[in-house]
């Protein structure tokens, strides 16, 4: 029941934060639009709640299953018992990481977690992202190309959240790629900074897109799933007055490049 209360609390936090930031409708037309928006939001949150429950339940089930095998004395050797302990520990770490991401977004949405929006060096963030992810790509024999931006290039962002978004996007790409390369680059115009992630993940992985939130996820889906991870990162980008979008998607087997873009303002945005 504690898990149920936690998930319900997070979802109500999303709704409460959205309602707190809305202005009262002035006429019947605005009232109708507000009611329609509230209905759509309610439907979305219901799907989000169901999907979050699944995403949390998967590593929790793995943790419980490994412990049950050990407690039932089904291990044939100390080595096998240690293997189950390692599997349980891995599931626990996945569960904690996923909880941290969901709780962070919930606090930000509800207003209890403040983002520190200030000019952030994109070059410095890229260096940290590379340090956190290059070993993952090397272990999978996936070349990771980092196009270092101008050291003076800055965007208005919360540094910790931006680092979390980029690390998550790259880790997700690495996890779903069998071959190919990954490239992270940035460019800007007068008003915005554009951070592009290009990779060569199979087109099949995009069949599990964000619209899968509307229905039950497959039981063998590895958490956090691509759709759920994109949703969390999209929320973080919006909190920073930016956006996350899929710019390019392979349309046939001859095309290989997928391009995700994070857009951030170069100057402070008025609330």
C-alpha atoms as a PDB file:
ATOM      1  CA  UNK A   1       0.000   0.000   0.000  1.00  0.00           C
ATOM      2  CA  UNK A   2       2.904   2.376   0.624  1.00  0.00           C
ATOM      3  CA  UNK A   3       3.805   2.151  -3.070  1.00  0.00           C
ATOM      4  CA  UNK A   4       0.222   2.946  -4.057  1.00  0.00           C
ATOM      5  CA  UNK A   5       0.137   5.994  -1.778  1.00  0.00           C
ATOM      6  CA  UNK A   6       3.473   7.197  -3.176  1.00  0.00           C
ATOM      7  CA  UNK A   7       2.353   6.932  -6.803  1.00  0.00           C
ATOM      8  CA  UNK A   8      -1.015   8.549  -6.080  1.00  0.00           C
ATOM      9  CA  UNK A   9       0.735  11.378  -4.245  1.00  0.00           C
ATOM     10  CA  UNK A  10       3.047  12.029  -7.188  1.00  0.00           C
ATOM     11  CA  UNK A  11       0.149  12.130  -9.640  1.00  0.00           C
ATOM     12  CA  UNK A  12      -1.944  14.421  -7.446  1.00  0.00           C
ATOM     13  CA  UNK A  13       1.127  16.629  -7.170  1.00  0.00           C
ATOM     14  CA  UNK A  14       1.248  16.955 -10.963  1.00  0.00           C
ATOM     15  CA  UNK A  15      -2.426  17.901 -11.104  1.00  0.00           C
ATOM     16  CA  UNK A  16      -2.182  20.269  -8.136  1.00  0.00           C
ATOM     17  CA  UNK A  17       0.743  22.137  -9.641  1.00  0.00           C
ATOM     18  CA  UNK A  18      -1.054  22.509 -12.964  1.00  0.00           C
ATOM     19  CA  UNK A  19      -4.211  23.820 -11.294  1.00  0.00           C
ATOM     20  CA  UNK A  20      -2.279  26.257  -9.114  1.00  0.00           C
ATOM     21  CA  UNK A  21      -0.759  27.905 -12.182  1.00  0.00           C
ATOM     22  CA  UNK A  22      -4.001  28.313 -14.129  1.00  0.00           C
ATOM     23  CA  UNK A  23      -5.935  31.565 -14.322  1.00  0.00           C
ATOM     24  CA  UNK A  24      -9.676  31.649 -13.687  1.00  0.00           C
ATOM     25  CA  UNK A  25     -11.766  31.638 -16.921  1.00  0.00           C
ATOM     26  CA  UNK A  26     -13.457  34.933 -17.764  1.00  0.00           C
ATOM     27  CA  UNK A  27     -16.399  33.749 -19.886  1.00  0.00           C
ATOM     28  CA  UNK A  28     -18.330  30.678 -20.975  1.00  0.00           C
ATOM     29  CA  UNK A  29     -16.017  29.952 -23.901  1.00  0.00           C
ATOM     30  CA  UNK A  30     -12.958  30.048 -21.654  1.00  0.00           C
ATOM     31  CA  UNK A  31     -14.809  27.918 -19.107  1.00  0.00           C
ATOM     32  CA  UNK A  32     -15.559  25.313 -21.779  1.00  0.00           C
ATOM     33  CA  UNK A  33     -11.940  25.304 -22.922  1.00  0.00           C
ATOM     34  CA  UNK A  34     -10.784  25.006 -19.308  1.00  0.00           C
ATOM     35  CA  UNK A  35     -13.108  22.054 -18.697  1.00  0.00           C
ATOM     36  CA  UNK A  36     -11.920  20.355 -21.877  1.00  0.00           C
ATOM     37  CA  UNK A  37      -8.284  20.904 -20.891  1.00  0.00           C
ATOM     38  CA  UNK A  38      -8.957  19.529 -17.425  1.00  0.00           C
ATOM     39  CA  UNK A  39     -10.584  16.428 -18.914  1.00  0.00           C
ATOM     40  CA  UNK A  40      -7.633  15.845 -21.249  1.00  0.00           C
ATOM     41  CA  UNK A  41      -5.220  16.372 -18.370  1.00  0.00           C
ATOM     42  CA  UNK A  42      -7.179  13.939 -16.199  1.00  0.00           C
ATOM     43  CA  UNK A  43      -7.039  11.287 -18.917  1.00  0.00           C
ATOM     44  CA  UNK A  44      -3.329  11.867 -19.418  1.00  0.00           C
ATOM     45  CA  UNK A  45      -2.574  11.680 -15.694  1.00  0.00           C
ATOM     46  CA  UNK A  46      -4.546   8.448 -15.426  1.00  0.00           C
ATOM     47  CA  UNK A  47      -2.391   6.956 -18.185  1.00  0.00           C
ATOM     48  CA  UNK A  48       0.732   8.351 -16.578  1.00  0.00           C
ATOM     49  CA  UNK A  49      -0.251   6.824 -13.224  1.00  0.00           C
ATOM     50  CA  UNK A  50      -0.824   3.403 -14.790  1.00  0.00           C
ATOM     51  CA  UNK A  51       2.467   3.544 -16.675  1.00  0.00           C
ATOM     52  CA  UNK A  52       4.421   4.774 -13.657  1.00  0.00           C
ATOM     53  CA  UNK A  53       3.012   1.878 -11.633  1.00  0.00           C
ATOM     54  CA  UNK A  54       4.282  -0.560 -14.246  1.00  0.00           C
ATOM     55  CA  UNK A  55       7.692   1.078 -14.547  1.00  0.00           C
ATOM     56  CA  UNK A  56       8.180   0.872 -10.768  1.00  0.00           C
ATOM     57  CA  UNK A  57       6.729  -2.612 -10.449  1.00  0.00           C
ATOM     58  CA  UNK A  58       9.138  -4.185 -12.939  1.00  0.00           C
ATOM     59  CA  UNK A  59      12.400  -3.654 -10.995  1.00  0.00           C
ATOM     60  CA  UNK A  60      10.566  -4.284  -7.725  1.00  0.00           C
ATOM     61  CA  UNK A  61       9.398  -7.671  -9.014  1.00  0.00           C
ATOM     62  CA  UNK A  62      12.952  -8.518 -10.033  1.00  0.00           C
ATOM     63  CA  UNK A  63      14.182  -7.603  -6.570  1.00  0.00           C
ATOM     64  CA  UNK A  64      11.536  -9.739  -4.841  1.00  0.00           C
ATOM     65  CA  UNK A  65      12.048 -12.717  -7.174  1.00  0.00           C
ATOM     66  CA  UNK A  66      15.798 -12.834  -6.537  1.00  0.00           C
ATOM     67  CA  UNK A  67      15.276 -12.682  -2.772  1.00  0.00           C
ATOM     68  CA  UNK A  68      12.634 -15.415  -2.879  1.00  0.00           C
ATOM     69  CA  UNK A  69      15.011 -17.765  -4.679  1.00  0.00           C
ATOM     70  CA  UNK A  70      17.656 -17.177  -2.028  1.00  0.00           C
ATOM     71  CA  UNK A  71      15.249 -17.533   0.912  1.00  0.00           C
ATOM     72  CA  UNK A  72      13.823 -20.772  -0.517  1.00  0.00           C
ATOM     73  CA  UNK A  73      17.333 -22.287  -0.634  1.00  0.00           C
ATOM     74  CA  UNK A  74      17.064 -22.879  -4.370  1.00  0.00           C
ATOM     75  CA  UNK A  75      20.642 -21.811  -5.067  1.00  0.00           C
ATOM     76  CA  UNK A  76      22.891 -24.722  -6.045  1.00  0.00           C
ATOM     77  CA  UNK A  77      26.102 -23.030  -4.931  1.00  0.00           C
ATOM     78  CA  UNK A  78      27.399 -19.948  -3.091  1.00  0.00           C
ATOM     79  CA  UNK A  79      28.362 -18.538  -6.481  1.00  0.00           C
ATOM     80  CA  UNK A  80      24.786 -18.806  -7.753  1.00  0.00           C
ATOM     81  CA  UNK A  81      23.479 -17.240  -4.549  1.00  0.00           C
ATOM     82  CA  UNK A  82      25.862 -14.302  -5.020  1.00  0.00           C
ATOM     83  CA  UNK A  83      24.637 -13.957  -8.613  1.00  0.00           C
ATOM     84  CA  UNK A  84      21.041 -13.629  -7.382  1.00  0.00           C
ATOM     85  CA  UNK A  85      22.156 -11.062  -4.792  1.00  0.00           C
ATOM     86  CA  UNK A  86      23.819  -9.029  -7.543  1.00  0.00           C
ATOM     87  CA  UNK A  87      20.630  -9.206  -9.634  1.00  0.00           C
ATOM     88  CA  UNK A  88      18.585  -8.017  -6.654  1.00  0.00           C
ATOM     89  CA  UNK A  89      20.988  -5.143  -6.056  1.00  0.00           C
ATOM     90  CA  UNK A  90      20.820  -4.125  -9.712  1.00  0.00           C
ATOM     91  CA  UNK A  91      17.010  -4.099  -9.581  1.00  0.00           C
ATOM     92  CA  UNK A  92      17.089  -2.016  -6.392  1.00  0.00           C
ATOM     93  CA  UNK A  93      19.396   0.554  -8.000  1.00  0.00           C
ATOM     94  CA  UNK A  94      17.105   0.813 -11.050  1.00  0.00           C
ATOM     95  CA  UNK A  95      14.121   1.308  -8.766  1.00  0.00           C
ATOM     96  CA  UNK A  96      15.806   4.061  -6.751  1.00  0.00           C
ATOM     97  CA  UNK A  97      17.019   5.854  -9.910  1.00  0.00           C
ATOM     98  CA  UNK A  98      13.546   5.789 -11.433  1.00  0.00           C
ATOM     99  CA  UNK A  99      11.960   7.007  -8.194  1.00  0.00           C
ATOM    100  CA  UNK A 100      14.462   9.859  -7.970  1.00  0.00           C
ATOM    101  CA  UNK A 101      13.585  11.012 -11.503  1.00  0.00           C
ATOM    102  CA  UNK A 102       9.821  10.865 -10.960  1.00  0.00           C
ATOM    103  CA  UNK A 103       9.991  12.572  -7.551  1.00  0.00           C
ATOM    104  CA  UNK A 104      12.282  15.309  -8.905  1.00  0.00           C
ATOM    105  CA  UNK A 105       9.831  16.108 -11.693  1.00  0.00           C
ATOM    106  CA  UNK A 106       6.869  15.950  -9.320  1.00  0.00           C
ATOM    107  CA  UNK A 107       8.472  18.417  -6.899  1.00  0.00           C
ATOM    108  CA  UNK A 108       9.341  20.763  -9.741  1.00  0.00           C
ATOM    109  CA  UNK A 109       5.816  20.604 -11.185  1.00  0.00           C
ATOM    110  CA  UNK A 110       4.193  21.175  -7.800  1.00  0.00           C
ATOM    111  CA  UNK A 111       6.520  24.052  -6.944  1.00  0.00           C
ATOM    112  CA  UNK A 112       8.314  22.497  -3.950  1.00  0.00           C
ATOM    113  CA  UNK A 113      11.465  21.872  -5.956  1.00  0.00           C
ATOM    114  CA  UNK A 114      12.910  25.027  -7.489  1.00  0.00           C
ATOM    115  CA  UNK A 115      15.091  25.029 -10.570  1.00  0.00           C
ATOM    116  CA  UNK A 116      18.132  27.266 -10.619  1.00  0.00           C
ATOM    117  CA  UNK A 117      17.748  28.824 -14.059  1.00  0.00           C
ATOM    118  CA  UNK A 118      20.871  30.748 -14.994  1.00  0.00           C
ATOM    119  CA  UNK A 119      23.419  30.959 -17.841  1.00  0.00           C
ATOM    120  CA  UNK A 120      25.048  27.534 -18.207  1.00  0.00           C
ATOM    121  CA  UNK A 121      28.118  26.732 -20.288  1.00  0.00           C
ATOM    122  CA  UNK A 122      27.104  24.124 -22.865  1.00  0.00           C
ATOM    123  CA  UNK A 123      30.729  23.100 -23.306  1.00  0.00           C
ATOM    124  CA  UNK A 124      31.089  22.319 -19.579  1.00  0.00           C
ATOM    125  CA  UNK A 125      27.851  20.313 -19.579  1.00  0.00           C
ATOM    126  CA  UNK A 126      29.036  18.348 -22.630  1.00  0.00           C
ATOM    127  CA  UNK A 127      32.266  17.464 -20.830  1.00  0.00           C
ATOM    128  CA  UNK A 128      30.309  16.086 -17.861  1.00  0.00           C
ATOM    129  CA  UNK A 129      27.910  14.190 -20.133  1.00  0.00           C
ATOM    130  CA  UNK A 130      30.831  12.575 -21.944  1.00  0.00           C
ATOM    131  CA  UNK A 131      32.468  11.566 -18.658  1.00  0.00           C
ATOM    132  CA  UNK A 132      29.247   9.878 -17.522  1.00  0.00           C
ATOM    133  CA  UNK A 133      28.425   8.032 -20.752  1.00  0.00           C
ATOM    134  CA  UNK A 134      31.529   7.340 -22.858  1.00  0.00           C
ATOM    135  CA  UNK A 135      32.374   4.103 -21.024  1.00  0.00           C
ATOM    136  CA  UNK A 136      28.870   2.802 -21.718  1.00  0.00           C
ATOM    137  CA  UNK A 137      29.334   3.420 -25.440  1.00  0.00           C
ATOM    138  CA  UNK A 138      32.830   1.889 -25.423  1.00  0.00           C
ATOM    139  CA  UNK A 139      31.537  -1.256 -23.721  1.00  0.00           C
ATOM    140  CA  UNK A 140      28.981  -1.623 -26.529  1.00  0.00           C
ATOM    141  CA  UNK A 141      31.552  -0.742 -29.250  1.00  0.00           C
ATOM    142  CA  UNK A 142      29.506   2.293 -30.256  1.00  0.00           C
ATOM    143  CA  UNK A 143      31.625   5.318 -31.299  1.00  0.00           C
ATOM    144  CA  UNK A 144      30.622   8.474 -29.406  1.00  0.00           C
ATOM    145  CA  UNK A 145      31.483  11.724 -31.199  1.00  0.00           C
ATOM    146  CA  UNK A 146      31.329  14.910 -29.149  1.00  0.00           C
ATOM    147  CA  UNK A 147      31.393  18.145 -31.164  1.00  0.00           C
ATOM    148  CA  UNK A 148      32.652  20.596 -28.556  1.00  0.00           C
ATOM    149  CA  UNK A 149      30.781  23.907 -28.825  1.00  0.00           C
ATOM    150  CA  UNK A 150      32.272  27.358 -28.373  1.00  0.00           C
ATOM    151  CA  UNK A 151      33.298  27.744 -24.700  1.00  0.00           C
ATOM    152  CA  UNK A 152      31.359  31.029 -24.625  1.00  0.00           C
ATOM    153  CA  UNK A 153      28.096  29.415 -25.744  1.00  0.00           C
ATOM    154  CA  UNK A 154      25.616  29.547 -22.883  1.00  0.00           C
ATOM    155  CA  UNK A 155      21.918  28.799 -22.406  1.00  0.00           C
ATOM    156  CA  UNK A 156      19.476  29.561 -19.621  1.00  0.00           C
ATOM    157  CA  UNK A 157      18.950  26.256 -17.808  1.00  0.00           C
ATOM    158  CA  UNK A 158      19.150  24.369 -14.553  1.00  0.00           C
ATOM    159  CA  UNK A 159      22.546  22.694 -14.903  1.00  0.00           C
ATOM    160  CA  UNK A 160      21.663  19.575 -12.923  1.00  0.00           C
ATOM    161  CA  UNK A 161      18.437  19.012 -14.865  1.00  0.00           C
ATOM    162  CA  UNK A 162      20.085  19.598 -18.249  1.00  0.00           C
ATOM    163  CA  UNK A 163      22.830  17.127 -17.361  1.00  0.00           C
ATOM    164  CA  UNK A 164      20.162  14.608 -16.304  1.00  0.00           C
ATOM    165  CA  UNK A 165      18.238  15.020 -19.574  1.00  0.00           C
ATOM    166  CA  UNK A 166      21.261  14.627 -21.864  1.00  0.00           C
ATOM    167  CA  UNK A 167      22.687  11.708 -19.882  1.00  0.00           C
ATOM    168  CA  UNK A 168      19.322   9.958 -19.954  1.00  0.00           C
ATOM    169  CA  UNK A 169      18.850  10.467 -23.691  1.00  0.00           C
ATOM    170  CA  UNK A 170      22.328   9.158 -24.522  1.00  0.00           C
ATOM    171  CA  UNK A 171      22.064   6.193 -22.142  1.00  0.00           C
ATOM    172  CA  UNK A 172      18.721   5.288 -23.727  1.00  0.00           C
ATOM    173  CA  UNK A 173      20.246   5.438 -27.207  1.00  0.00           C
ATOM    174  CA  UNK A 174      23.172   3.238 -26.164  1.00  0.00           C
ATOM    175  CA  UNK A 175      20.833   0.691 -24.561  1.00  0.00           C
ATOM    176  CA  UNK A 176      18.746   0.311 -27.737  1.00  0.00           C
ATOM    177  CA  UNK A 177      21.536   0.335 -30.344  1.00  0.00           C
ATOM    178  CA  UNK A 178      23.254  -2.746 -31.733  1.00  0.00           C
ATOM    179  CA  UNK A 179      25.596  -0.871 -34.058  1.00  0.00           C
ATOM    180  CA  UNK A 180      26.286   2.610 -35.389  1.00  0.00           C
ATOM    181  CA  UNK A 181      27.531   5.791 -33.760  1.00  0.00           C
ATOM    182  CA  UNK A 182      26.322   8.593 -31.517  1.00  0.00           C
ATOM    183  CA  UNK A 183      26.957  12.297 -31.992  1.00  0.00           C
ATOM    184  CA  UNK A 184      26.249  15.173 -29.622  1.00  0.00           C
ATOM    185  CA  UNK A 185      26.505  18.736 -30.956  1.00  0.00           C
ATOM    186  CA  UNK A 186      25.159  22.227 -30.373  1.00  0.00           C
ATOM    187  CA  UNK A 187      24.504  25.389 -32.345  1.00  0.00           C
ATOM    188  CA  UNK A 188      22.630  28.611 -31.706  1.00  0.00           C
ATOM    189  CA  UNK A 189      20.898  31.580 -33.212  1.00  0.00           C
ATOM    190  CA  UNK A 190      20.162  34.943 -31.618  1.00  0.00           C
ATOM    191  CA  UNK A 191      17.497  33.597 -29.266  1.00  0.00           C
ATOM    192  CA  UNK A 192      17.982  29.868 -28.724  1.00  0.00           C
ATOM    193  CA  UNK A 193      20.577  27.149 -28.211  1.00  0.00           C
ATOM    194  CA  UNK A 194      19.927  23.860 -30.014  1.00  0.00           C
ATOM    195  CA  UNK A 195      21.485  20.666 -28.670  1.00  0.00           C
ATOM    196  CA  UNK A 196      21.271  17.792 -31.156  1.00  0.00           C
ATOM    197  CA  UNK A 197      21.678  14.104 -30.420  1.00  0.00           C
ATOM    198  CA  UNK A 198      22.104  11.927 -33.512  1.00  0.00           C
ATOM    199  CA  UNK A 199      22.190   8.142 -33.221  1.00  0.00           C
ATOM    200  CA  UNK A 200      21.462   5.017 -35.245  1.00  0.00           C
ATOM    201  CA  UNK A 201      19.037   3.058 -33.097  1.00  0.00           C
ATOM    202  CA  UNK A 202      16.692   0.686 -34.979  1.00  0.00           C
ATOM    203  CA  UNK A 203      13.423   2.202 -36.135  1.00  0.00           C
ATOM    204  CA  UNK A 204      11.574  -0.607 -34.348  1.00  0.00           C
ATOM    205  CA  UNK A 205      12.335   0.863 -30.913  1.00  0.00           C
ATOM    206  CA  UNK A 206      10.251   3.938 -31.753  1.00  0.00           C
ATOM    207  CA  UNK A 207       7.132   1.819 -32.120  1.00  0.00           C
ATOM    208  CA  UNK A 208       6.993   2.025 -28.301  1.00  0.00           C
ATOM    209  CA  UNK A 209       6.443   5.791 -28.331  1.00  0.00           C
ATOM    210  CA  UNK A 210       4.805   8.089 -25.801  1.00  0.00           C
ATOM    211  CA  UNK A 211       1.324   7.038 -26.943  1.00  0.00           C
ATOM    212  CA  UNK A 212       2.027   3.683 -25.266  1.00  0.00           C
ATOM    213  CA  UNK A 213       1.302   5.535 -22.026  1.00  0.00           C
ATOM    214  CA  UNK A 214      -2.362   5.183 -22.916  1.00  0.00           C
ATOM    215  CA  UNK A 215      -2.301   1.415 -22.600  1.00  0.00           C
ATOM    216  CA  UNK A 216      -0.674  -1.347 -20.593  1.00  0.00           C
ATOM    217  CA  UNK A 217       3.025  -1.764 -21.245  1.00  0.00           C
ATOM    218  CA  UNK A 218       4.433  -5.173 -22.249  1.00  0.00           C
ATOM    219  CA  UNK A 219       5.555  -7.188 -19.199  1.00  0.00           C
ATOM    220  CA  UNK A 220       9.057  -7.730 -20.607  1.00  0.00           C
ATOM    221  CA  UNK A 221       9.713  -4.025 -21.249  1.00  0.00           C
ATOM    222  CA  UNK A 222      12.968  -2.919 -19.646  1.00  0.00           C
ATOM    223  CA  UNK A 223      12.389   0.121 -17.381  1.00  0.00           C
ATOM    224  CA  UNK A 224      12.606   2.963 -17.876  1.00  0.00           C
ATOM    225  CA  UNK A 225      11.105   2.411 -21.316  1.00  0.00           C
ATOM    226  CA  UNK A 226      11.868   4.745 -24.211  1.00  0.00           C
ATOM    227  CA  UNK A 227       8.446   6.408 -24.150  1.00  0.00           C
ATOM    228  CA  UNK A 228       8.456   6.912 -20.395  1.00  0.00           C
ATOM    229  CA  UNK A 229      12.022   8.223 -20.392  1.00  0.00           C
ATOM    230  CA  UNK A 230      11.195  10.711 -23.162  1.00  0.00           C
ATOM    231  CA  UNK A 231       8.154  11.903 -21.242  1.00  0.00           C
ATOM    232  CA  UNK A 232      10.168  12.572 -18.091  1.00  0.00           C
ATOM    233  CA  UNK A 233      12.863  14.403 -20.044  1.00  0.00           C
ATOM    234  CA  UNK A 234      10.289  16.394 -21.996  1.00  0.00           C
ATOM    235  CA  UNK A 235       8.775  17.605 -18.723  1.00  0.00           C
ATOM    236  CA  UNK A 236      12.173  18.676 -17.419  1.00  0.00           C
ATOM    237  CA  UNK A 237      12.878  20.629 -20.604  1.00  0.00           C
ATOM    238  CA  UNK A 238       9.530  22.413 -20.360  1.00  0.00           C
ATOM    239  CA  UNK A 239      10.245  23.374 -16.741  1.00  0.00           C
ATOM    240  CA  UNK A 240      13.423  25.060 -18.059  1.00  0.00           C
ATOM    241  CA  UNK A 241      11.354  27.010 -20.636  1.00  0.00           C
ATOM    242  CA  UNK A 242      12.717  24.765 -23.363  1.00  0.00           C
ATOM    243  CA  UNK A 243      11.496  21.812 -25.357  1.00  0.00           C
ATOM    244  CA  UNK A 244      12.488  18.326 -26.461  1.00  0.00           C
ATOM    245  CA  UNK A 245      11.477  17.175 -29.927  1.00  0.00           C
ATOM    246  CA  UNK A 246      12.128  14.405 -32.391  1.00  0.00           C
ATOM    247  CA  UNK A 247      13.537  16.205 -35.442  1.00  0.00           C
ATOM    248  CA  UNK A 248      14.343  13.241 -37.660  1.00  0.00           C
ATOM    249  CA  UNK A 249      13.208   9.630 -37.647  1.00  0.00           C
ATOM    250  CA  UNK A 250      14.220   6.918 -40.155  1.00  0.00           C
ATOM    251  CA  UNK A 251      11.271   6.239 -42.439  1.00  0.00           C
ATOM    252  CA  UNK A 252      12.675   3.068 -44.027  1.00  0.00           C
ATOM    253  CA  UNK A 253      15.481   0.537 -43.640  1.00  0.00           C
ATOM    254  CA  UNK A 254      17.794   2.584 -45.876  1.00  0.00           C
ATOM    255  CA  UNK A 255      17.796   5.474 -43.397  1.00  0.00           C
ATOM    256  CA  UNK A 256      19.615   5.099 -40.102  1.00  0.00           C
ATOM    257  CA  UNK A 257      19.900   8.490 -38.397  1.00  0.00           C
ATOM    258  CA  UNK A 258      17.566   9.527 -35.579  1.00  0.00           C
ATOM    259  CA  UNK A 259      17.850  13.117 -34.349  1.00  0.00           C
ATOM    260  CA  UNK A 260      16.570  14.437 -31.035  1.00  0.00           C
ATOM    261  CA  UNK A 261      16.802  18.166 -30.281  1.00  0.00           C
ATOM    262  CA  UNK A 262      16.805  20.014 -26.966  1.00  0.00           C
ATOM    263  CA  UNK A 263      16.035  23.714 -27.367  1.00  0.00           C
ATOM    264  CA  UNK A 264      16.835  26.240 -24.633  1.00  0.00           C
ATOM    265  CA  UNK A 265      16.588  30.051 -24.485  1.00  0.00           C
ATOM    266  CA  UNK A 266      19.775  32.108 -24.575  1.00  0.00           C
ATOM    267  CA  UNK A 267      18.196  34.832 -22.467  1.00  0.00           C
ATOM    268  CA  UNK A 268      16.012  34.717 -19.366  1.00  0.00           C
ATOM    269  CA  UNK A 269      12.346  34.059 -20.141  1.00  0.00           C
ATOM    270  CA  UNK A 270       9.727  36.053 -18.233  1.00  0.00           C
ATOM    271  CA  UNK A 271       7.264  33.833 -16.319  1.00  0.00           C
END
